[in-house]
């Protein structure tokens, strides 16, 4: 049991696992804020009056699309980093599914908070 705990501690702290996790979460949050901002612009395009922006509906879709692309690239980066680890394929698949599940939940939560602000 002690070898498992030392392996976890070594992986998280000594090999930069915790730093990588926080970087992925930060990147995911930033990309999700872009998606939420784009969808909010699409939702309220008729009330937006920004000088130099002739079509806020199109701009909203472009911003949301860029945010979705960044979310997907962040997920692919995480899959590549998981594939480099010398762990069992079942563990890698379980971690990938868990990462996808939590990523989608974080995206949903941030979009909800961003679009239903007080």
Protein backbone atom coordinates (compact mmCIF):
# COMPACT_ATOMS: atom_id res chain seq x y z
CA UNK A 1 0.00 0.00 0.00
CA UNK A 2 2.87 2.33 0.74
CA UNK A 3 4.28 1.88 -2.76
CA UNK A 4 0.98 3.03 -4.28
CA UNK A 5 0.90 6.17 -2.14
CA UNK A 6 4.53 6.99 -2.93
CA UNK A 7 3.80 6.43 -6.63
CA UNK A 8 0.85 8.84 -6.46
CA UNK A 9 2.85 11.44 -4.55
CA UNK A 10 5.77 11.12 -6.95
CA UNK A 11 3.52 11.37 -10.01
CA UNK A 12 1.54 14.34 -8.73
CA UNK A 13 4.23 16.44 -7.13
CA UNK A 14 7.65 15.37 -8.40
CA UNK A 15 6.78 14.65 -12.03
CA UNK A 16 4.46 17.64 -12.52
CA UNK A 17 1.12 15.85 -12.69
CA UNK A 18 -0.64 18.41 -10.53
CA UNK A 19 0.75 21.31 -12.55
CA UNK A 20 -0.42 19.68 -15.78
CA UNK A 21 -3.91 19.12 -14.35
CA UNK A 22 -4.22 22.76 -13.32
CA UNK A 23 -2.94 23.91 -16.72
CA UNK A 24 -5.59 21.81 -18.46
CA UNK A 25 -8.32 23.14 -16.20
CA UNK A 26 -7.16 26.73 -16.77
CA UNK A 27 -7.11 26.24 -20.54
CA UNK A 28 -10.51 24.58 -20.43
CA UNK A 29 -12.02 27.42 -18.39
CA UNK A 30 -10.64 30.08 -20.74
CA UNK A 31 -11.92 28.24 -23.81
CA UNK A 32 -15.30 27.73 -22.17
CA UNK A 33 -15.59 31.42 -21.34
CA UNK A 34 -15.01 32.09 -25.05
CA UNK A 35 -17.80 29.65 -25.94
CA UNK A 36 -20.14 31.25 -23.40
CA UNK A 37 -19.32 34.76 -24.63
CA UNK A 38 -19.99 33.73 -28.21
CA UNK A 39 -23.32 32.14 -27.34
CA UNK A 40 -24.30 35.14 -25.24
CA UNK A 41 -23.56 37.39 -28.20
CA UNK A 42 -25.68 35.17 -30.45
CA UNK A 43 -28.49 35.25 -27.87
CA UNK A 44 -28.47 39.06 -27.55
CA UNK A 45 -27.22 40.12 -30.99
CA UNK A 46 -30.08 42.57 -31.53
CA UNK A 47 -29.18 44.65 -28.45
CA UNK A 48 -25.43 44.80 -29.09
CA UNK A 49 -24.13 48.04 -30.57
CA UNK A 50 -20.35 47.89 -30.88
CA UNK A 51 -18.69 50.37 -33.25
CA UNK A 52 -16.94 48.56 -36.09
CA UNK A 53 -18.89 45.32 -35.61
CA UNK A 54 -21.36 45.11 -38.46
CA UNK A 55 -22.72 41.62 -37.76
CA UNK A 56 -22.59 40.58 -34.08
CA UNK A 57 -24.47 37.34 -34.84
CA UNK A 58 -21.68 36.14 -37.14
CA UNK A 59 -19.00 37.33 -34.69
CA UNK A 60 -20.72 35.42 -31.87
CA UNK A 61 -20.71 32.20 -33.88
CA UNK A 62 -17.05 32.69 -34.80
CA UNK A 63 -16.05 33.27 -31.17
CA UNK A 64 -18.09 30.26 -30.00
CA UNK A 65 -16.53 28.13 -32.75
CA UNK A 66 -13.02 29.17 -31.77
CA UNK A 67 -13.83 28.33 -28.14
CA UNK A 68 -15.14 24.89 -29.13
CA UNK A 69 -12.00 24.28 -31.19
CA UNK A 70 -9.84 25.21 -28.20
CA UNK A 71 -11.82 22.84 -25.93
CA UNK A 72 -11.30 20.03 -28.43
CA UNK A 73 -7.58 20.79 -28.78
CA UNK A 74 -7.21 20.78 -24.99
CA UNK A 75 -8.87 17.36 -24.87
CA UNK A 76 -6.62 15.99 -27.62
CA UNK A 77 -3.57 17.33 -25.77
CA UNK A 78 -4.69 15.54 -22.62
CA UNK A 79 -5.20 12.29 -24.56
CA UNK A 80 -1.71 12.55 -26.03
CA UNK A 81 -0.19 13.08 -22.60
CA UNK A 82 -2.14 10.11 -21.22
CA UNK A 83 -1.00 7.94 -24.11
CA UNK A 84 2.66 8.66 -23.29
CA UNK A 85 2.27 7.21 -19.81
CA UNK A 86 3.25 3.56 -19.43
CA UNK A 87 0.02 2.56 -17.73
CA UNK A 88 -2.39 -0.21 -18.61
CA UNK A 89 -4.71 0.58 -21.53
CA UNK A 90 -7.81 0.04 -19.40
CA UNK A 91 -6.60 2.67 -16.92
CA UNK A 92 -5.84 5.07 -19.77
CA UNK A 93 -9.31 4.50 -21.23
CA UNK A 94 -10.94 5.04 -17.83
CA UNK A 95 -8.95 8.24 -17.29
CA UNK A 96 -9.87 9.47 -20.79
CA UNK A 97 -13.57 8.86 -20.17
CA UNK A 98 -13.38 10.54 -16.78
CA UNK A 99 -11.52 13.51 -18.29
CA UNK A 100 -14.14 13.84 -21.04
CA UNK A 101 -17.00 13.60 -18.52
CA UNK A 102 -15.56 16.20 -16.14
CA UNK A 103 -14.55 18.48 -19.02
CA UNK A 104 -18.09 18.48 -20.38
CA UNK A 105 -19.50 19.13 -16.90
CA UNK A 106 -17.12 22.07 -16.38
CA UNK A 107 -18.09 23.47 -19.78
CA UNK A 108 -21.78 23.16 -18.93
CA UNK A 109 -21.33 24.73 -15.53
CA UNK A 110 -19.36 27.72 -16.81
CA UNK A 111 -21.80 28.33 -19.65
CA UNK A 112 -24.68 28.15 -17.18
CA UNK A 113 -23.05 30.61 -14.79
CA UNK A 114 -22.01 32.91 -17.61
CA UNK A 115 -25.43 33.05 -19.27
CA UNK A 116 -27.54 33.11 -16.09
CA UNK A 117 -25.59 35.73 -14.18
CA UNK A 118 -27.31 37.90 -11.62
